[in-house]
Amino acid sequence: MNSDQLKGKWKQMKGSVKERWGKLTDDDLDVINGQSDQLIGKIQERYGVARQEAQKQVDEWNSSVARESEVEKKRYVEEKRKAS
């Protein structure tokens, strides 16, 4: 998921972010507001990790979200096909 997609889906993604990085507060999530750099910075701040590590975590999270989205998309298409 690229930066623009993150911004566009931020309200939907907040729960996933909170689940992955529980130390982030609701105020943090409001400040981040879908901005990848802000997310990385808040992870650094809350977890005391280097920027490179925070970036790695965000990249891994993005990959898992993309995979889940692809699985859901395939499931939807399959259900539509069966219903026809």
C-alpha atoms as a PDB file:
ATOM      1  CA  MET A   1       0.000   0.000   0.000  1.00  0.00           C
ATOM      2  CA  ASN A   2       1.500   3.305  -1.005  1.00  0.00           C
ATOM      3  CA  SER A   3       1.302   6.585   0.877  1.00  0.00           C
ATOM      4  CA  ASP A   4      -1.718   7.859  -1.060  1.00  0.00           C
ATOM      5  CA  GLN A   5      -3.637   4.642  -0.409  1.00  0.00           C
ATOM      6  CA  LEU A   6      -2.799   4.823   3.286  1.00  0.00           C
ATOM      7  CA  LYS A   7      -4.160   8.372   3.460  1.00  0.00           C
ATOM      8  CA  GLY A   8      -7.312   7.394   1.592  1.00  0.00           C
ATOM      9  CA  LYS A   9      -8.051   4.410   3.807  1.00  0.00           C
ATOM     10  CA  TRP A  10      -6.794   5.816   7.095  1.00  0.00           C
ATOM     11  CA  LYS A  11     -10.097   5.622   8.967  1.00  0.00           C
ATOM     12  CA  GLN A  12     -10.403   1.959   8.022  1.00  0.00           C
ATOM     13  CA  MET A  13      -6.759   1.217   8.818  1.00  0.00           C
ATOM     14  CA  LYS A  14      -6.634   2.827  12.257  1.00  0.00           C
ATOM     15  CA  GLY A  15      -7.849  -0.358  13.940  1.00  0.00           C
ATOM     16  CA  SER A  16      -5.179  -2.434  12.262  1.00  0.00           C
ATOM     17  CA  VAL A  17      -2.497   0.092  13.223  1.00  0.00           C
ATOM     18  CA  LYS A  18      -3.715   0.159  16.824  1.00  0.00           C
ATOM     19  CA  GLU A  19      -3.716  -3.646  16.896  1.00  0.00           C
ATOM     20  CA  ARG A  20      -0.157  -3.829  15.535  1.00  0.00           C
ATOM     21  CA  TRP A  21       1.282  -0.952  17.591  1.00  0.00           C
ATOM     22  CA  GLY A  22      -0.748  -0.856  20.793  1.00  0.00           C
ATOM     23  CA  LYS A  23       1.383   1.849  22.370  1.00  0.00           C
ATOM     24  CA  LEU A  24       0.092   4.383  19.856  1.00  0.00           C
ATOM     25  CA  THR A  25      -2.672   6.496  21.350  1.00  0.00           C
ATOM     26  CA  ASP A  26      -5.820   7.760  19.672  1.00  0.00           C
ATOM     27  CA  ASP A  27      -4.207  11.204  19.673  1.00  0.00           C
ATOM     28  CA  ASP A  28      -1.173   9.713  17.899  1.00  0.00           C
ATOM     29  CA  LEU A  29      -3.463   8.213  15.277  1.00  0.00           C
ATOM     30  CA  ASP A  30      -5.156  11.579  14.777  1.00  0.00           C
ATOM     31  CA  VAL A  31      -1.772  13.265  14.302  1.00  0.00           C
ATOM     32  CA  ILE A  32      -0.576  10.540  11.914  1.00  0.00           C
ATOM     33  CA  ASN A  33      -3.720  10.922   9.806  1.00  0.00           C
ATOM     34  CA  GLY A  34      -2.552   8.439   7.181  1.00  0.00           C
ATOM     35  CA  GLN A  35       0.886   9.950   6.682  1.00  0.00           C
ATOM     36  CA  SER A  36       3.513   7.237   6.443  1.00  0.00           C
ATOM     37  CA  ASP A  37       6.342   9.448   7.753  1.00  0.00           C
ATOM     38  CA  GLN A  38       4.246  10.415  10.772  1.00  0.00           C
ATOM     39  CA  LEU A  39       3.485   6.750  11.475  1.00  0.00           C
ATOM     40  CA  ILE A  40       7.168   5.856  11.295  1.00  0.00           C
ATOM     41  CA  GLY A  41       8.070   8.752  13.586  1.00  0.00           C
ATOM     42  CA  LYS A  42       5.450   7.819  16.184  1.00  0.00           C
ATOM     43  CA  ILE A  43       6.609   4.197  16.170  1.00  0.00           C
ATOM     44  CA  GLN A  44      10.166   5.400  16.751  1.00  0.00           C
ATOM     45  CA  GLU A  45       9.009   7.619  19.589  1.00  0.00           C
ATOM     46  CA  ARG A  46       6.722   5.120  21.355  1.00  0.00           C
ATOM     47  CA  TYR A  47       8.883   2.033  20.900  1.00  0.00           C
ATOM     48  CA  GLY A  48      12.367   3.560  21.062  1.00  0.00           C
ATOM     49  CA  VAL A  49      13.533   2.042  17.790  1.00  0.00           C
ATOM     50  CA  ALA A  50      15.669   3.459  15.012  1.00  0.00           C
ATOM     51  CA  ARG A  51      13.983   4.938  11.951  1.00  0.00           C
ATOM     52  CA  GLN A  52      15.188   2.023   9.830  1.00  0.00           C
ATOM     53  CA  GLU A  53      13.521  -0.491  12.189  1.00  0.00           C
ATOM     54  CA  ALA A  54      10.286   1.523  12.269  1.00  0.00           C
ATOM     55  CA  GLN A  55      10.312   1.682   8.464  1.00  0.00           C
ATOM     56  CA  LYS A  56      10.837  -2.087   8.306  1.00  0.00           C
ATOM     57  CA  GLN A  57       7.876  -2.675  10.620  1.00  0.00           C
ATOM     58  CA  VAL A  58       5.638  -0.394   8.558  1.00  0.00           C
ATOM     59  CA  ASP A  59       6.727  -2.099   5.333  1.00  0.00           C
ATOM     60  CA  GLU A  60       5.971  -5.530   6.798  1.00  0.00           C
ATOM     61  CA  TRP A  61       2.593  -4.318   8.055  1.00  0.00           C
ATOM     62  CA  ASN A  62       1.807  -2.827   4.623  1.00  0.00           C
ATOM     63  CA  SER A  63       2.639  -6.159   2.981  1.00  0.00           C
ATOM     64  CA  SER A  64       0.391  -8.100   5.341  1.00  0.00           C
ATOM     65  CA  VAL A  65      -2.478  -5.638   4.841  1.00  0.00           C
ATOM     66  CA  ALA A  66      -2.063  -5.896   1.066  1.00  0.00           C
ATOM     67  CA  ARG A  67      -2.116  -9.711   1.238  1.00  0.00           C
ATOM     68  CA  GLU A  68      -5.251  -9.674   3.394  1.00  0.00           C
ATOM     69  CA  SER A  69      -6.902  -7.266   0.990  1.00  0.00           C
ATOM     70  CA  GLU A  70      -6.035  -9.478  -1.982  1.00  0.00           C
ATOM     71  CA  VAL A  71      -7.459 -12.555  -0.214  1.00  0.00           C
ATOM     72  CA  GLU A  72     -10.683 -10.678   0.561  1.00  0.00           C
ATOM     73  CA  LYS A  73     -10.917  -9.496  -3.044  1.00  0.00           C
ATOM     74  CA  LYS A  74     -10.492 -13.057  -4.364  1.00  0.00           C
ATOM     75  CA  ARG A  75     -13.093 -14.334  -1.897  1.00  0.00           C
ATOM     76  CA  TYR A  76     -15.557 -11.657  -3.029  1.00  0.00           C
ATOM     77  CA  VAL A  77     -15.007 -12.473  -6.705  1.00  0.00           C
ATOM     78  CA  GLU A  78     -15.444 -16.190  -6.024  1.00  0.00           C
ATOM     79  CA  GLU A  79     -18.694 -15.584  -4.102  1.00  0.00           C
ATOM     80  CA  LYS A  80     -20.018 -13.433  -6.937  1.00  0.00           C
ATOM     81  CA  ARG A  81     -19.094 -16.113  -9.458  1.00  0.00           C
ATOM     82  CA  LYS A  82     -20.874 -18.803  -7.450  1.00  0.00           C
ATOM     83  CA  ALA A  83     -23.966 -16.622  -7.055  1.00  0.00           C
ATOM     84  CA  SER A  84     -24.280 -16.206 -10.837  1.00  0.00           C
END
